[in-house]
N, C-alpha and C. Protein backbone atom coordinates (compact mmCIF):
# COMPACT_ATOMS: atom_id res chain seq x y z
N GLY A 1 -16.96 1.20 17.92
CA GLY A 1 -16.00 1.05 16.86
C GLY A 1 -16.67 0.68 15.56
N THR A 2 -15.90 0.67 14.52
CA THR A 2 -16.44 0.37 13.19
C THR A 2 -16.13 -1.05 12.76
N CYS A 3 -15.43 -1.80 13.60
CA CYS A 3 -15.11 -3.16 13.21
C CYS A 3 -14.93 -4.01 14.47
N GLY A 4 -14.80 -5.29 14.26
CA GLY A 4 -14.64 -6.24 15.35
C GLY A 4 -14.90 -7.62 14.79
N THR A 5 -15.04 -8.58 15.65
CA THR A 5 -15.26 -9.95 15.22
C THR A 5 -16.51 -10.03 14.34
N GLY A 6 -16.32 -10.48 13.12
CA GLY A 6 -17.45 -10.64 12.21
C GLY A 6 -17.86 -9.36 11.50
N TYR A 7 -17.22 -8.24 11.79
CA TYR A 7 -17.57 -6.97 11.17
C TYR A 7 -16.34 -6.40 10.48
N LYS A 8 -16.55 -5.83 9.32
CA LYS A 8 -15.46 -5.20 8.59
C LYS A 8 -15.80 -3.73 8.41
N PRO A 9 -14.80 -2.85 8.52
CA PRO A 9 -15.06 -1.43 8.28
C PRO A 9 -15.32 -1.18 6.79
N ASP A 10 -15.87 -0.02 6.50
CA ASP A 10 -16.08 0.41 5.12
C ASP A 10 -14.74 0.51 4.40
N ASP A 11 -14.73 0.30 3.09
CA ASP A 11 -13.49 0.36 2.31
C ASP A 11 -12.77 1.70 2.46
N THR A 12 -13.52 2.78 2.70
CA THR A 12 -12.88 4.09 2.83
C THR A 12 -12.18 4.26 4.19
N GLN A 13 -12.21 3.23 5.02
CA GLN A 13 -11.48 3.24 6.29
C GLN A 13 -10.27 2.31 6.22
N ALA A 14 -9.92 1.87 5.02
CA ALA A 14 -8.80 0.95 4.84
C ALA A 14 -7.51 1.71 4.57
N ALA A 15 -6.41 1.12 4.96
CA ALA A 15 -5.10 1.68 4.67
C ALA A 15 -4.24 0.60 4.03
N ILE A 16 -3.53 0.98 2.97
CA ILE A 16 -2.55 0.08 2.38
C ILE A 16 -1.43 -0.08 3.40
N ALA A 17 -1.11 -1.31 3.78
CA ALA A 17 -0.09 -1.53 4.81
C ALA A 17 0.56 -2.89 4.60
N CYS A 18 1.79 -3.00 5.07
CA CYS A 18 2.47 -4.29 5.03
C CYS A 18 1.87 -5.20 6.10
N ASN A 19 2.20 -6.48 6.04
CA ASN A 19 1.65 -7.45 6.97
C ASN A 19 2.00 -7.13 8.42
N CYS A 20 3.23 -6.68 8.67
CA CYS A 20 3.65 -6.35 10.05
C CYS A 20 2.80 -5.22 10.61
N CYS A 21 2.61 -4.17 9.82
CA CYS A 21 1.78 -3.04 10.27
C CYS A 21 0.34 -3.49 10.46
N HIS A 22 -0.17 -4.29 9.55
CA HIS A 22 -1.54 -4.80 9.63
C HIS A 22 -1.74 -5.56 10.94
N ASP A 23 -0.79 -6.41 11.29
CA ASP A 23 -0.89 -7.18 12.53
C ASP A 23 -0.94 -6.28 13.76
N LEU A 24 -0.13 -5.21 13.77
CA LEU A 24 -0.13 -4.29 14.90
C LEU A 24 -1.43 -3.49 14.97
N ILE A 25 -1.88 -2.99 13.83
CA ILE A 25 -3.12 -2.21 13.80
C ILE A 25 -4.31 -3.04 14.22
N ASP A 26 -4.36 -4.29 13.77
CA ASP A 26 -5.48 -5.18 14.11
C ASP A 26 -5.34 -5.82 15.48
N GLY A 27 -4.20 -5.62 16.13
CA GLY A 27 -4.02 -6.16 17.48
C GLY A 27 -3.64 -7.63 17.52
N ARG A 28 -3.30 -8.21 16.37
CA ARG A 28 -2.88 -9.61 16.35
C ARG A 28 -1.49 -9.79 16.94
N LYS A 29 -0.71 -8.72 16.90
CA LYS A 29 0.63 -8.73 17.47
C LYS A 29 0.74 -7.56 18.43
N LYS A 30 1.29 -7.80 19.59
CA LYS A 30 1.45 -6.76 20.60
C LYS A 30 2.81 -6.10 20.46
N THR A 31 2.90 -4.84 20.86
CA THR A 31 4.15 -4.10 20.79
C THR A 31 4.26 -3.16 21.98
N THR A 32 5.48 -2.92 22.40
CA THR A 32 5.72 -1.88 23.40
C THR A 32 6.40 -0.69 22.74
N ASP A 33 6.63 -0.78 21.42
CA ASP A 33 7.27 0.30 20.68
C ASP A 33 6.34 1.49 20.45
N TYR A 34 5.04 1.23 20.38
CA TYR A 34 4.06 2.27 20.12
C TYR A 34 2.88 2.11 21.07
N THR A 35 2.29 3.24 21.43
CA THR A 35 1.07 3.20 22.24
C THR A 35 -0.12 2.92 21.33
N TYR A 36 -1.24 2.58 21.93
CA TYR A 36 -2.48 2.37 21.19
C TYR A 36 -2.83 3.63 20.39
N ASP A 37 -2.71 4.79 21.03
CA ASP A 37 -3.05 6.04 20.34
C ASP A 37 -2.10 6.32 19.18
N GLU A 38 -0.82 6.01 19.32
CA GLU A 38 0.13 6.19 18.22
C GLU A 38 -0.22 5.28 17.05
N LEU A 39 -0.58 4.04 17.34
CA LEU A 39 -0.98 3.11 16.27
C LEU A 39 -2.23 3.61 15.55
N ARG A 40 -3.18 4.13 16.31
CA ARG A 40 -4.40 4.67 15.69
C ARG A 40 -4.10 5.87 14.81
N LEU A 41 -3.20 6.73 15.28
CA LEU A 41 -2.82 7.90 14.49
C LEU A 41 -2.11 7.48 13.21
N MET A 42 -1.20 6.51 13.31
CA MET A 42 -0.51 6.02 12.12
C MET A 42 -1.48 5.38 11.13
N HIS A 43 -2.46 4.65 11.66
CA HIS A 43 -3.47 4.06 10.78
C HIS A 43 -4.28 5.15 10.09
N ALA A 44 -4.67 6.18 10.84
CA ALA A 44 -5.45 7.28 10.26
C ALA A 44 -4.67 7.96 9.14
N GLU A 45 -3.37 8.18 9.34
CA GLU A 45 -2.56 8.77 8.29
C GLU A 45 -2.49 7.84 7.09
N GLY A 46 -2.38 6.55 7.35
CA GLY A 46 -2.38 5.57 6.26
C GLY A 46 -3.67 5.58 5.47
N VAL A 47 -4.80 5.75 6.16
CA VAL A 47 -6.09 5.84 5.48
C VAL A 47 -6.11 7.06 4.56
N MET A 48 -5.63 8.20 5.06
CA MET A 48 -5.62 9.41 4.24
C MET A 48 -4.72 9.23 3.01
N ARG A 49 -3.56 8.62 3.20
CA ARG A 49 -2.65 8.40 2.07
C ARG A 49 -3.26 7.42 1.07
N THR A 50 -3.91 6.38 1.57
CA THR A 50 -4.55 5.39 0.72
C THR A 50 -5.66 6.03 -0.11
N LEU A 51 -6.49 6.86 0.52
CA LEU A 51 -7.57 7.53 -0.20
C LEU A 51 -7.01 8.41 -1.32
N GLU A 52 -5.89 9.08 -1.07
CA GLU A 52 -5.28 9.92 -2.11
C GLU A 52 -4.77 9.07 -3.27
N ILE A 53 -4.16 7.94 -2.97
CA ILE A 53 -3.70 7.02 -4.02
C ILE A 53 -4.89 6.55 -4.85
N TRP A 54 -5.95 6.11 -4.18
CA TRP A 54 -7.12 5.61 -4.89
C TRP A 54 -7.79 6.72 -5.71
N ARG A 55 -7.79 7.97 -5.18
CA ARG A 55 -8.35 9.08 -5.93
C ARG A 55 -7.55 9.32 -7.20
N LYS A 56 -6.22 9.32 -7.09
CA LYS A 56 -5.35 9.55 -8.25
C LYS A 56 -5.51 8.43 -9.27
N GLU A 57 -5.78 7.22 -8.80
CA GLU A 57 -5.97 6.08 -9.71
C GLU A 57 -7.39 6.02 -10.28
N GLY A 58 -8.25 6.95 -9.87
CA GLY A 58 -9.62 7.00 -10.38
C GLY A 58 -10.55 5.99 -9.74
N LEU A 59 -10.14 5.39 -8.63
CA LEU A 59 -10.98 4.40 -7.97
C LEU A 59 -12.06 5.03 -7.10
N ILE A 60 -11.82 6.29 -6.68
CA ILE A 60 -12.84 7.05 -5.96
C ILE A 60 -12.88 8.45 -6.57
N LYS A 61 -14.03 9.09 -6.45
CA LYS A 61 -14.20 10.43 -7.02
C LYS A 61 -13.97 11.48 -5.94
N SER A 62 -13.45 12.61 -6.38
CA SER A 62 -13.21 13.75 -5.48
C SER A 62 -14.51 14.39 -5.06
């Protein structure tokens, strides 16, 4: 993996998310509403959306 205790992923692997989503993605809160794979897919989509926002804001280059 790209992260874990004491390790942080690269900024380009970040997703803008509310606290509830952040807790689920990071595993701080457990859920039976979504599978692990569904949470990973939702996070991946969030990363793509975040990168597009940052690109439009000029924070990253195309």
